[in-house]
Amino acid sequence: MNEKNHNNDCNATNPEGQGPFGTLTIRTLAMPADTNPSGDIFGGWVMSQLDIAGAIAAVEHVKGRVATVAVEAMTFIAPVKVGDVLCVYCTIKHVGTTSIAIGVEAWARRNQIATRVKVTDGTFIYVALDQDGKKRKIKS
């Protein structure tokens, strides 16, 4: 996977002229049920969306099952609000013998309009699994 043009409503230009890097992997709507006591979207919900997106990218690359084994350098940059559309972009950072590192960025589309804010990024590590759930080599 590499940088691509994103021909969808998650592709508005932010005020700094920068945008997401990678392939749009998932979009989802932040709902009231996902809030923390402060009224912002719970960080665990955001992290799970990044893990889901990273796993989708990993599965597509290794052409089989994967399991999350680590999260590196996860940073929460800005809160996600109720009603934001969370757009998650993925890039392949490294492919090892049995594992794959996926760079993940989450951008929130605010207020059902095209304003985008980068809210989270990180690197998720997955291991390729065989049909018995054991580590397997990733074919090149």
C-alpha atoms as a PDB file:
ATOM      1  CA  MET A   1       0.000   0.000   0.000  1.00  0.00           C
ATOM      2  CA  ASN A   2       1.189   3.493  -0.655  1.00  0.00           C
ATOM      3  CA  GLU A   3      -0.098   7.030  -0.739  1.00  0.00           C
ATOM      4  CA  LYS A   4      -3.157   7.378  -2.943  1.00  0.00           C
ATOM      5  CA  ASN A   5      -5.662  10.024  -3.892  1.00  0.00           C
ATOM      6  CA  HIS A   6      -8.746   9.646  -1.759  1.00  0.00           C
ATOM      7  CA  ASN A   7     -11.827  10.294  -3.897  1.00  0.00           C
ATOM      8  CA  ASN A   8     -14.370  10.434  -1.101  1.00  0.00           C
ATOM      9  CA  ASP A   9     -15.692  12.747   1.581  1.00  0.00           C
ATOM     10  CA  CYS A  10     -12.709  12.019   3.856  1.00  0.00           C
ATOM     11  CA  ASN A  11     -10.482  13.907   1.405  1.00  0.00           C
ATOM     12  CA  ALA A  12     -11.096  17.573   2.237  1.00  0.00           C
ATOM     13  CA  THR A  13      -8.023  19.749   2.636  1.00  0.00           C
ATOM     14  CA  ASN A  14      -7.240  20.878   6.170  1.00  0.00           C
ATOM     15  CA  PRO A  15      -6.118  24.487   6.834  1.00  0.00           C
ATOM     16  CA  GLU A  16      -2.412  23.561   6.798  1.00  0.00           C
ATOM     17  CA  GLY A  17      -2.732  21.964   3.363  1.00  0.00           C
ATOM     18  CA  GLN A  18      -1.680  18.563   4.676  1.00  0.00           C
ATOM     19  CA  GLY A  19      -3.757  15.444   4.575  1.00  0.00           C
ATOM     20  CA  PRO A  20      -3.733  11.804   5.452  1.00  0.00           C
ATOM     21  CA  PHE A  21      -1.033   9.463   4.268  1.00  0.00           C
ATOM     22  CA  GLY A  22      -1.915   5.953   3.166  1.00  0.00           C
ATOM     23  CA  THR A  23      -4.929   4.075   1.941  1.00  0.00           C
ATOM     24  CA  LEU A  24      -8.366   4.803   3.368  1.00  0.00           C
ATOM     25  CA  THR A  25      -9.197   1.519   5.078  1.00  0.00           C
ATOM     26  CA  ILE A  26     -12.296   2.236   7.178  1.00  0.00           C
ATOM     27  CA  ARG A  27     -14.741   5.034   7.951  1.00  0.00           C
ATOM     28  CA  THR A  28     -17.109   4.995  10.890  1.00  0.00           C
ATOM     29  CA  LEU A  29     -19.365   7.408  12.759  1.00  0.00           C
ATOM     30  CA  ALA A  30     -18.568   8.317  16.381  1.00  0.00           C
ATOM     31  CA  MET A  31     -21.761   7.783  18.398  1.00  0.00           C
ATOM     32  CA  PRO A  32     -22.930   8.947  21.864  1.00  0.00           C
ATOM     33  CA  ALA A  33     -22.622   5.395  23.247  1.00  0.00           C
ATOM     34  CA  ASP A  34     -18.845   5.608  22.641  1.00  0.00           C
ATOM     35  CA  THR A  35     -18.214   8.634  24.907  1.00  0.00           C
ATOM     36  CA  ASN A  36     -16.158   8.906  28.074  1.00  0.00           C
ATOM     37  CA  PRO A  37     -17.390  10.830  31.159  1.00  0.00           C
ATOM     38  CA  SER A  38     -16.088  14.100  29.625  1.00  0.00           C
ATOM     39  CA  GLY A  39     -18.279  13.696  26.552  1.00  0.00           C
ATOM     40  CA  ASP A  40     -15.442  12.951  24.135  1.00  0.00           C
ATOM     41  CA  ILE A  41     -15.155   9.627  22.348  1.00  0.00           C
ATOM     42  CA  PHE A  42     -13.409   7.061  24.566  1.00  0.00           C
ATOM     43  CA  GLY A  43      -9.768   6.494  23.557  1.00  0.00           C
ATOM     44  CA  GLY A  44     -10.242   2.724  23.694  1.00  0.00           C
ATOM     45  CA  TRP A  45     -12.910   2.961  20.993  1.00  0.00           C
ATOM     46  CA  VAL A  46     -10.554   4.987  18.793  1.00  0.00           C
ATOM     47  CA  MET A  47      -7.729   2.510  19.398  1.00  0.00           C
ATOM     48  CA  SER A  48      -9.989  -0.408  18.453  1.00  0.00           C
ATOM     49  CA  GLN A  49     -10.873   1.282  15.152  1.00  0.00           C
ATOM     50  CA  LEU A  50      -7.162   1.693  14.372  1.00  0.00           C
ATOM     51  CA  ASP A  51      -6.542  -1.964  15.256  1.00  0.00           C
ATOM     52  CA  ILE A  52      -9.396  -3.087  12.994  1.00  0.00           C
ATOM     53  CA  ALA A  53      -8.094  -0.983  10.095  1.00  0.00           C
ATOM     54  CA  GLY A  54      -4.523  -2.165  10.621  1.00  0.00           C
ATOM     55  CA  ALA A  55      -5.671  -5.779  10.685  1.00  0.00           C
ATOM     56  CA  ILE A  56      -7.573  -5.314   7.415  1.00  0.00           C
ATOM     57  CA  ALA A  57      -4.419  -3.931   5.766  1.00  0.00           C
ATOM     58  CA  ALA A  58      -2.286  -6.738   7.232  1.00  0.00           C
ATOM     59  CA  VAL A  59      -4.705  -9.492   6.150  1.00  0.00           C
ATOM     60  CA  GLU A  60      -4.783  -8.111   2.609  1.00  0.00           C
ATOM     61  CA  HIS A  61      -0.987  -8.068   2.427  1.00  0.00           C
ATOM     62  CA  VAL A  62      -0.232 -11.460   4.011  1.00  0.00           C
ATOM     63  CA  LYS A  63      -3.277 -13.075   2.361  1.00  0.00           C
ATOM     64  CA  GLY A  64      -4.430 -14.810   5.519  1.00  0.00           C
ATOM     65  CA  ARG A  65      -5.115 -14.571   9.228  1.00  0.00           C
ATOM     66  CA  VAL A  66      -3.241 -12.210  11.528  1.00  0.00           C
ATOM     67  CA  ALA A  67      -3.180 -11.399  15.229  1.00  0.00           C
ATOM     68  CA  THR A  68      -2.224  -8.114  16.861  1.00  0.00           C
ATOM     69  CA  VAL A  69       0.972  -8.579  18.881  1.00  0.00           C
ATOM     70  CA  ALA A  70       2.032  -5.012  19.692  1.00  0.00           C
ATOM     71  CA  VAL A  71       1.181  -1.354  19.409  1.00  0.00           C
ATOM     72  CA  GLU A  72       4.053   1.103  19.085  1.00  0.00           C
ATOM     73  CA  ALA A  73       4.126   4.892  19.348  1.00  0.00           C
ATOM     74  CA  MET A  74       0.365   5.405  19.663  1.00  0.00           C
ATOM     75  CA  THR A  75      -0.379   9.113  20.015  1.00  0.00           C
ATOM     76  CA  PHE A  76      -3.731  10.753  20.728  1.00  0.00           C
ATOM     77  CA  ILE A  77      -3.407  14.174  19.088  1.00  0.00           C
ATOM     78  CA  ALA A  78      -6.930  15.603  19.381  1.00  0.00           C
ATOM     79  CA  PRO A  79     -10.249  14.380  20.771  1.00  0.00           C
ATOM     80  CA  VAL A  80     -12.870  12.696  18.617  1.00  0.00           C
ATOM     81  CA  LYS A  81     -16.328  14.196  19.091  1.00  0.00           C
ATOM     82  CA  VAL A  82     -19.797  12.686  18.813  1.00  0.00           C
ATOM     83  CA  GLY A  83     -20.888  12.945  15.186  1.00  0.00           C
ATOM     84  CA  ASP A  84     -17.355  12.947  13.755  1.00  0.00           C
ATOM     85  CA  VAL A  85     -16.701  10.578  10.881  1.00  0.00           C
ATOM     86  CA  LEU A  86     -13.494   8.750  11.787  1.00  0.00           C
ATOM     87  CA  CYS A  87     -11.432   7.994   8.668  1.00  0.00           C
ATOM     88  CA  VAL A  88      -8.555   5.551   9.196  1.00  0.00           C
ATOM     89  CA  TYR A  89      -5.652   5.312   6.737  1.00  0.00           C
ATOM     90  CA  CYS A  90      -2.993   2.579   6.637  1.00  0.00           C
ATOM     91  CA  THR A  91       0.480   2.109   5.184  1.00  0.00           C
ATOM     92  CA  ILE A  92       2.798  -0.872   5.322  1.00  0.00           C
ATOM     93  CA  LYS A  93       5.924   0.180   7.202  1.00  0.00           C
ATOM     94  CA  HIS A  94       7.817  -3.125   7.382  1.00  0.00           C
ATOM     95  CA  VAL A  95       7.329  -6.786   6.496  1.00  0.00           C
ATOM     96  CA  GLY A  96       9.394  -9.331   8.422  1.00  0.00           C
ATOM     97  CA  THR A  97       9.546 -13.110   8.301  1.00  0.00           C
ATOM     98  CA  THR A  98       6.320 -13.661  10.265  1.00  0.00           C
ATOM     99  CA  SER A  99       5.233 -10.144  11.232  1.00  0.00           C
ATOM    100  CA  ILE A 100       4.085  -6.947   9.559  1.00  0.00           C
ATOM    101  CA  ALA A 101       4.119  -3.366  10.854  1.00  0.00           C
ATOM    102  CA  ILE A 102       1.253  -1.138   9.760  1.00  0.00           C
ATOM    103  CA  GLY A 103       1.331   2.645  10.123  1.00  0.00           C
ATOM    104  CA  VAL A 104      -2.132   3.913  10.997  1.00  0.00           C
ATOM    105  CA  GLU A 105      -3.535   7.465  10.980  1.00  0.00           C
ATOM    106  CA  ALA A 106      -7.011   8.521  12.074  1.00  0.00           C
ATOM    107  CA  TRP A 107      -8.571  11.738  10.857  1.00  0.00           C
ATOM    108  CA  ALA A 108     -11.905  13.076  12.086  1.00  0.00           C
ATOM    109  CA  ARG A 109     -14.261  14.779   9.682  1.00  0.00           C
ATOM    110  CA  ARG A 110     -15.948  17.334  11.930  1.00  0.00           C
ATOM    111  CA  ASN A 111     -19.619  18.310  12.024  1.00  0.00           C
ATOM    112  CA  GLN A 112     -20.637  16.269   8.964  1.00  0.00           C
ATOM    113  CA  ILE A 113     -18.635  18.658   6.775  1.00  0.00           C
ATOM    114  CA  ALA A 114     -15.299  18.396   5.076  1.00  0.00           C
ATOM    115  CA  THR A 115     -13.091  19.883   7.830  1.00  0.00           C
ATOM    116  CA  ARG A 116     -10.519  17.238   8.791  1.00  0.00           C
ATOM    117  CA  VAL A 117      -8.438  16.984  11.940  1.00  0.00           C
ATOM    118  CA  LYS A 118      -5.715  14.410  12.536  1.00  0.00           C
ATOM    119  CA  VAL A 119      -6.671  12.794  15.843  1.00  0.00           C
ATOM    120  CA  THR A 120      -4.471   9.724  16.312  1.00  0.00           C
ATOM    121  CA  ASP A 121      -1.566   7.838  14.798  1.00  0.00           C
ATOM    122  CA  GLY A 122       0.513   4.818  15.638  1.00  0.00           C
ATOM    123  CA  THR A 123       2.138   1.637  14.471  1.00  0.00           C
ATOM    124  CA  PHE A 124       0.463  -1.729  14.947  1.00  0.00           C
ATOM    125  CA  ILE A 125       2.369  -5.007  14.665  1.00  0.00           C
ATOM    126  CA  TYR A 126       0.606  -8.164  13.481  1.00  0.00           C
ATOM    127  CA  VAL A 127       1.843 -11.721  13.140  1.00  0.00           C
ATOM    128  CA  ALA A 128       0.703 -13.951  10.268  1.00  0.00           C
ATOM    129  CA  LEU A 129      -1.105 -17.112  11.389  1.00  0.00           C
ATOM    130  CA  ASP A 130      -1.734 -20.455   9.756  1.00  0.00           C
ATOM    131  CA  GLN A 131      -5.054 -22.327   9.918  1.00  0.00           C
ATOM    132  CA  ASP A 132      -4.136 -23.726  13.344  1.00  0.00           C
ATOM    133  CA  GLY A 133      -3.437 -20.269  14.772  1.00  0.00           C
ATOM    134  CA  LYS A 134       0.343 -20.723  14.792  1.00  0.00           C
ATOM    135  CA  LYS A 135       2.868 -18.241  13.389  1.00  0.00           C
ATOM    136  CA  ARG A 136       3.644 -18.698   9.722  1.00  0.00           C
ATOM    137  CA  LYS A 137       6.076 -17.181   7.264  1.00  0.00           C
ATOM    138  CA  ILE A 138       4.844 -14.328   5.113  1.00  0.00           C
ATOM    139  CA  LYS A 139       5.283 -15.145   1.432  1.00  0.00           C
ATOM    140  CA  SER A 140       7.098 -12.463  -0.561  1.00  0.00           C
END
